[in-house]
Amino acid sequence: MKIGVIADSHENMPMIAKAVECFNNRQVDLVLHAGDIISPITSKEFKKLNTKLIAVFGNNDGEKSLLIKKFNELGMEIYPAPYELTIEEKRILLYHIPDFLDDLIKSGSYDVIIYGHTHTVDVRKGKTLVINPGECGGWLYNKCTVGILNLPQCEVEIVNLEE
């Protein structure tokens, strides 16, 4: 299974469009968003995904009730962080702010931990695969990136959306 991984899109509509195009071209089976979507208007681009999106709220997400409504209308899900799910027998934790990240890694409770907030790419391979796909929006570091996670192998590729 191929999973698109995105974080910190921060309402940058052109970059969200590029991320959606990347995920559709790569034929991902699911997209996981680690927060800071910002506004319900982003649903106009995310609705172009050819697959389901599951997201968590970040610290900058406003209009949470309208985000939930708009995303649910599209068959997409958005939850308070942290959110746990199991895919292909892999335990995945999806959250935004990397509080207690080292403790979560040491716990061995998850096969994959996906987070955002720092706007920087972080991929750590070990018993637990840690992924921060960087910032899709590119507002802080001018580098717009997403990830492609392959399960069950737990391999990740970081994709620069501007190349």
C-alpha atoms as a PDB file:
ATOM      1  CA  MET A   1       0.000   0.000   0.000  1.00  0.00           C
ATOM      2  CA  LYS A   2       1.216   3.498  -0.884  1.00  0.00           C
ATOM      3  CA  ILE A   3       0.371   6.340   1.489  1.00  0.00           C
ATOM      4  CA  GLY A   4       0.811  10.019   0.761  1.00  0.00           C
ATOM      5  CA  VAL A   5       2.128  11.940   3.764  1.00  0.00           C
ATOM      6  CA  ILE A   6       1.648  15.699   4.054  1.00  0.00           C
ATOM      7  CA  ALA A   7       1.911  18.320   6.799  1.00  0.00           C
ATOM      8  CA  ASP A   8       1.864  22.061   7.246  1.00  0.00           C
ATOM      9  CA  SER A   9       0.089  22.921   4.003  1.00  0.00           C
ATOM     10  CA  HIS A  10      -0.934  26.237   5.611  1.00  0.00           C
ATOM     11  CA  GLU A  11      -3.548  27.109   2.995  1.00  0.00           C
ATOM     12  CA  ASN A  12      -0.983  27.423   0.203  1.00  0.00           C
ATOM     13  CA  MET A  13      -3.433  26.489  -2.539  1.00  0.00           C
ATOM     14  CA  PRO A  14      -0.916  26.167  -5.409  1.00  0.00           C
ATOM     15  CA  MET A  15       1.283  23.826  -3.341  1.00  0.00           C
ATOM     16  CA  ILE A  16      -1.728  21.814  -2.150  1.00  0.00           C
ATOM     17  CA  ALA A  17      -2.670  21.423  -5.818  1.00  0.00           C
ATOM     18  CA  LYS A  18       0.853  20.173  -6.584  1.00  0.00           C
ATOM     19  CA  ALA A  19       0.699  17.743  -3.641  1.00  0.00           C
ATOM     20  CA  VAL A  20      -2.657  16.399  -4.844  1.00  0.00           C
ATOM     21  CA  GLU A  21      -1.241  16.018  -8.363  1.00  0.00           C
ATOM     22  CA  CYS A  22       1.808  14.190  -6.958  1.00  0.00           C
ATOM     23  CA  PHE A  23      -0.338  11.818  -4.903  1.00  0.00           C
ATOM     24  CA  ASN A  24      -2.665  11.134  -7.842  1.00  0.00           C
ATOM     25  CA  ASN A  25       0.262  10.561 -10.239  1.00  0.00           C
ATOM     26  CA  ARG A  26       1.884   8.193  -7.732  1.00  0.00           C
ATOM     27  CA  GLN A  27      -1.474   6.410  -7.304  1.00  0.00           C
ATOM     28  CA  VAL A  28      -1.397   6.477  -3.518  1.00  0.00           C
ATOM     29  CA  ASP A  29      -4.050   4.440  -1.718  1.00  0.00           C
ATOM     30  CA  LEU A  30      -4.496   6.910   1.150  1.00  0.00           C
ATOM     31  CA  VAL A  31      -3.273  10.357   2.225  1.00  0.00           C
ATOM     32  CA  LEU A  32      -2.400  11.197   5.838  1.00  0.00           C
ATOM     33  CA  HIS A  33      -2.171  14.890   6.784  1.00  0.00           C
ATOM     34  CA  ALA A  34      -0.312  15.755  10.010  1.00  0.00           C
ATOM     35  CA  GLY A  35      -2.007  19.095  10.612  1.00  0.00           C
ATOM     36  CA  ASP A  36      -2.020  22.816   9.916  1.00  0.00           C
ATOM     37  CA  ILE A  37      -4.410  22.695   7.004  1.00  0.00           C
ATOM     38  CA  ILE A  38      -5.678  26.113   8.192  1.00  0.00           C
ATOM     39  CA  SER A  39      -8.922  26.798   6.307  1.00  0.00           C
ATOM     40  CA  PRO A  40     -11.941  24.964   4.889  1.00  0.00           C
ATOM     41  CA  ILE A  41     -11.209  26.595   1.505  1.00  0.00           C
ATOM     42  CA  THR A  42      -8.450  24.007   1.056  1.00  0.00           C
ATOM     43  CA  SER A  43     -11.155  21.385   0.482  1.00  0.00           C
ATOM     44  CA  LYS A  44     -11.418  22.801  -3.076  1.00  0.00           C
ATOM     45  CA  GLU A  45      -7.993  21.302  -3.843  1.00  0.00           C
ATOM     46  CA  PHE A  46      -8.110  18.253  -1.576  1.00  0.00           C
ATOM     47  CA  LYS A  47     -11.379  17.122  -3.207  1.00  0.00           C
ATOM     48  CA  LYS A  48      -9.335  16.440  -6.360  1.00  0.00           C
ATOM     49  CA  LEU A  49      -7.573  13.561  -4.599  1.00  0.00           C
ATOM     50  CA  ASN A  50      -8.326  10.188  -6.144  1.00  0.00           C
ATOM     51  CA  THR A  51      -8.265   8.602  -2.700  1.00  0.00           C
ATOM     52  CA  LYS A  52      -9.306   9.141   0.903  1.00  0.00           C
ATOM     53  CA  LEU A  53      -7.640  11.666   3.191  1.00  0.00           C
ATOM     54  CA  ILE A  54      -7.321  11.311   6.965  1.00  0.00           C
ATOM     55  CA  ALA A  55      -6.028  14.367   8.829  1.00  0.00           C
ATOM     56  CA  VAL A  56      -5.420  15.671  12.322  1.00  0.00           C
ATOM     57  CA  PHE A  57      -5.676  19.238  13.500  1.00  0.00           C
ATOM     58  CA  GLY A  58      -2.535  21.284  14.004  1.00  0.00           C
ATOM     59  CA  ASN A  59      -1.995  24.226  16.303  1.00  0.00           C
ATOM     60  CA  ASN A  60      -2.889  26.781  13.600  1.00  0.00           C
ATOM     61  CA  ASP A  61      -6.066  25.186  12.274  1.00  0.00           C
ATOM     62  CA  GLY A  62      -9.019  27.538  12.600  1.00  0.00           C
ATOM     63  CA  GLU A  63     -12.687  26.990  11.842  1.00  0.00           C
ATOM     64  CA  LYS A  64     -12.438  23.403  13.071  1.00  0.00           C
ATOM     65  CA  SER A  65     -16.170  22.715  12.868  1.00  0.00           C
ATOM     66  CA  LEU A  66     -16.303  23.958   9.263  1.00  0.00           C
ATOM     67  CA  LEU A  67     -13.138  22.013   8.375  1.00  0.00           C
ATOM     68  CA  ILE A  68     -14.811  18.854   9.719  1.00  0.00           C
ATOM     69  CA  LYS A  69     -18.010  19.604   7.780  1.00  0.00           C
ATOM     70  CA  LYS A  70     -16.252  20.333   4.468  1.00  0.00           C
ATOM     71  CA  PHE A  71     -13.929  17.351   4.712  1.00  0.00           C
ATOM     72  CA  ASN A  72     -16.705  14.974   5.783  1.00  0.00           C
ATOM     73  CA  GLU A  73     -18.776  16.099   2.770  1.00  0.00           C
ATOM     74  CA  LEU A  74     -15.894  14.824   0.633  1.00  0.00           C
ATOM     75  CA  GLY A  75     -15.655  11.493   2.469  1.00  0.00           C
ATOM     76  CA  MET A  76     -12.486  12.637   4.219  1.00  0.00           C
ATOM     77  CA  GLU A  77     -11.805  12.498   7.929  1.00  0.00           C
ATOM     78  CA  ILE A  78     -10.228  15.013  10.294  1.00  0.00           C
ATOM     79  CA  TYR A  79      -9.601  14.388  13.993  1.00  0.00           C
ATOM     80  CA  PRO A  80      -8.050  16.001  17.040  1.00  0.00           C
ATOM     81  CA  ALA A  81      -4.429  14.900  17.417  1.00  0.00           C
ATOM     82  CA  PRO A  82      -3.157  12.351  18.215  1.00  0.00           C
ATOM     83  CA  TYR A  83      -4.938   9.831  16.035  1.00  0.00           C
ATOM     84  CA  GLU A  84      -4.033   6.143  15.947  1.00  0.00           C
ATOM     85  CA  LEU A  85      -4.767   3.782  13.089  1.00  0.00           C
ATOM     86  CA  THR A  86      -3.697   0.357  11.890  1.00  0.00           C
ATOM     87  CA  ILE A  87      -2.989  -0.299   8.223  1.00  0.00           C
ATOM     88  CA  GLU A  88      -1.677  -3.619   6.924  1.00  0.00           C
ATOM     89  CA  GLU A  89      -0.944  -4.646  10.518  1.00  0.00           C
ATOM     90  CA  LYS A  90       1.240  -1.546  11.044  1.00  0.00           C
ATOM     91  CA  ARG A  91       0.379   0.644  14.020  1.00  0.00           C
ATOM     92  CA  ILE A  92       0.521   4.287  12.955  1.00  0.00           C
ATOM     93  CA  LEU A  93       0.375   7.418  15.095  1.00  0.00           C
ATOM     94  CA  LEU A  94      -0.596  10.631  13.314  1.00  0.00           C
ATOM     95  CA  TYR A  95      -0.127  13.876  15.197  1.00  0.00           C
ATOM     96  CA  HIS A  96       1.121  17.426  14.795  1.00  0.00           C
ATOM     97  CA  ILE A  97       3.342  18.848  17.545  1.00  0.00           C
ATOM     98  CA  PRO A  98       6.137  16.365  18.316  1.00  0.00           C
ATOM     99  CA  ASP A  99       5.669  16.460  22.085  1.00  0.00           C
ATOM    100  CA  PHE A 100       7.184  13.389  23.744  1.00  0.00           C
ATOM    101  CA  LEU A 101       8.413  12.110  20.370  1.00  0.00           C
ATOM    102  CA  ASP A 102      11.499  10.388  21.789  1.00  0.00           C
ATOM    103  CA  ASP A 103       9.405   8.719  24.494  1.00  0.00           C
ATOM    104  CA  LEU A 104       6.906   7.534  21.899  1.00  0.00           C
ATOM    105  CA  ILE A 105       9.714   6.073  19.798  1.00  0.00           C
ATOM    106  CA  LYS A 106      11.251   4.315  22.817  1.00  0.00           C
ATOM    107  CA  SER A 107       7.860   2.894  23.823  1.00  0.00           C
ATOM    108  CA  GLY A 108       7.824   0.667  20.742  1.00  0.00           C
ATOM    109  CA  SER A 109       4.051   1.095  20.596  1.00  0.00           C
ATOM    110  CA  TYR A 110       4.029   2.195  16.969  1.00  0.00           C
ATOM    111  CA  ASP A 111       5.522   0.977  13.718  1.00  0.00           C
ATOM    112  CA  VAL A 112       5.208   4.434  12.150  1.00  0.00           C
ATOM    113  CA  ILE A 113       4.953   7.894  13.722  1.00  0.00           C
ATOM    114  CA  ILE A 114       3.965  10.777  11.455  1.00  0.00           C
ATOM    115  CA  TYR A 115       4.128  14.362  12.687  1.00  0.00           C
ATOM    116  CA  GLY A 116       4.436  17.928  11.441  1.00  0.00           C
ATOM    117  CA  HIS A 117       4.799  21.365  13.071  1.00  0.00           C
ATOM    118  CA  THR A 118       8.565  21.843  12.648  1.00  0.00           C
ATOM    119  CA  HIS A 119       8.322  22.428   8.891  1.00  0.00           C
ATOM    120  CA  THR A 120      11.493  20.368   8.398  1.00  0.00           C
ATOM    121  CA  VAL A 121      11.948  16.910   6.951  1.00  0.00           C
ATOM    122  CA  ASP A 122      12.699  14.224   9.537  1.00  0.00           C
ATOM    123  CA  VAL A 123      12.985  10.578   8.531  1.00  0.00           C
ATOM    124  CA  ARG A 124      14.344   8.160  11.116  1.00  0.00           C
ATOM    125  CA  LYS A 125      14.503   4.468  10.397  1.00  0.00           C
ATOM    126  CA  GLY A 126      14.544   1.968  13.205  1.00  0.00           C
ATOM    127  CA  LYS A 127      12.053  -0.268  14.982  1.00  0.00           C
ATOM    128  CA  THR A 128       9.753   2.735  14.632  1.00  0.00           C
ATOM    129  CA  LEU A 129       9.810   4.687  11.376  1.00  0.00           C
ATOM    130  CA  VAL A 130       9.484   8.411  12.114  1.00  0.00           C
ATOM    131  CA  ILE A 131       8.290  10.733   9.354  1.00  0.00           C
ATOM    132  CA  ASN A 132       7.910  14.468   9.170  1.00  0.00           C
ATOM    133  CA  PRO A 133       7.406  15.183   5.465  1.00  0.00           C
ATOM    134  CA  GLY A 134       8.433  18.816   5.918  1.00  0.00           C
ATOM    135  CA  GLU A 135       6.257  21.720   4.915  1.00  0.00           C
ATOM    136  CA  CYS A 136       3.950  21.416   1.943  1.00  0.00           C
ATOM    137  CA  GLY A 137       3.173  25.123   2.148  1.00  0.00           C
ATOM    138  CA  GLY A 138       6.759  26.288   2.004  1.00  0.00           C
ATOM    139  CA  TRP A 139       6.109  29.430   4.023  1.00  0.00           C
ATOM    140  CA  LEU A 140       8.999  29.097   6.481  1.00  0.00           C
ATOM    141  CA  TYR A 141      11.838  27.457   4.575  1.00  0.00           C
ATOM    142  CA  ASN A 142      10.741  27.816   0.937  1.00  0.00           C
ATOM    143  CA  LYS A 143      10.978  24.064   0.411  1.00  0.00           C
ATOM    144  CA  CYS A 144       7.672  22.372  -0.411  1.00  0.00           C
ATOM    145  CA  THR A 145       7.810  18.655   0.311  1.00  0.00           C
ATOM    146  CA  VAL A 146       5.564  15.640   0.893  1.00  0.00           C
ATOM    147  CA  GLY A 147       6.263  11.974   1.530  1.00  0.00           C
ATOM    148  CA  ILE A 148       5.334   8.663  -0.046  1.00  0.00           C
ATOM    149  CA  LEU A 149       5.216   5.823   2.489  1.00  0.00           C
ATOM    150  CA  ASN A 150       5.277   2.244   1.237  1.00  0.00           C
ATOM    151  CA  LEU A 151       3.730  -0.354   3.521  1.00  0.00           C
ATOM    152  CA  PRO A 152       4.377  -2.969   4.720  1.00  0.00           C
ATOM    153  CA  GLN A 153       8.065  -2.301   3.977  1.00  0.00           C
ATOM    154  CA  CYS A 154       8.013   0.961   5.997  1.00  0.00           C
ATOM    155  CA  GLU A 155      10.042   2.806   3.381  1.00  0.00           C
ATOM    156  CA  VAL A 156       9.546   6.510   2.728  1.00  0.00           C
ATOM    157  CA  GLU A 157      10.505   8.821  -0.106  1.00  0.00           C
ATOM    158  CA  ILE A 158      10.484  12.593   0.327  1.00  0.00           C
ATOM    159  CA  VAL A 159       9.287  14.409  -2.796  1.00  0.00           C
ATOM    160  CA  ASN A 160      10.143  18.041  -3.557  1.00  0.00           C
ATOM    161  CA  LEU A 161       7.004  19.532  -5.129  1.00  0.00           C
ATOM    162  CA  GLU A 162       8.952  22.225  -6.951  1.00  0.00           C
ATOM    163  CA  GLU A 163      11.065  19.876  -9.081  1.00  0.00           C
END
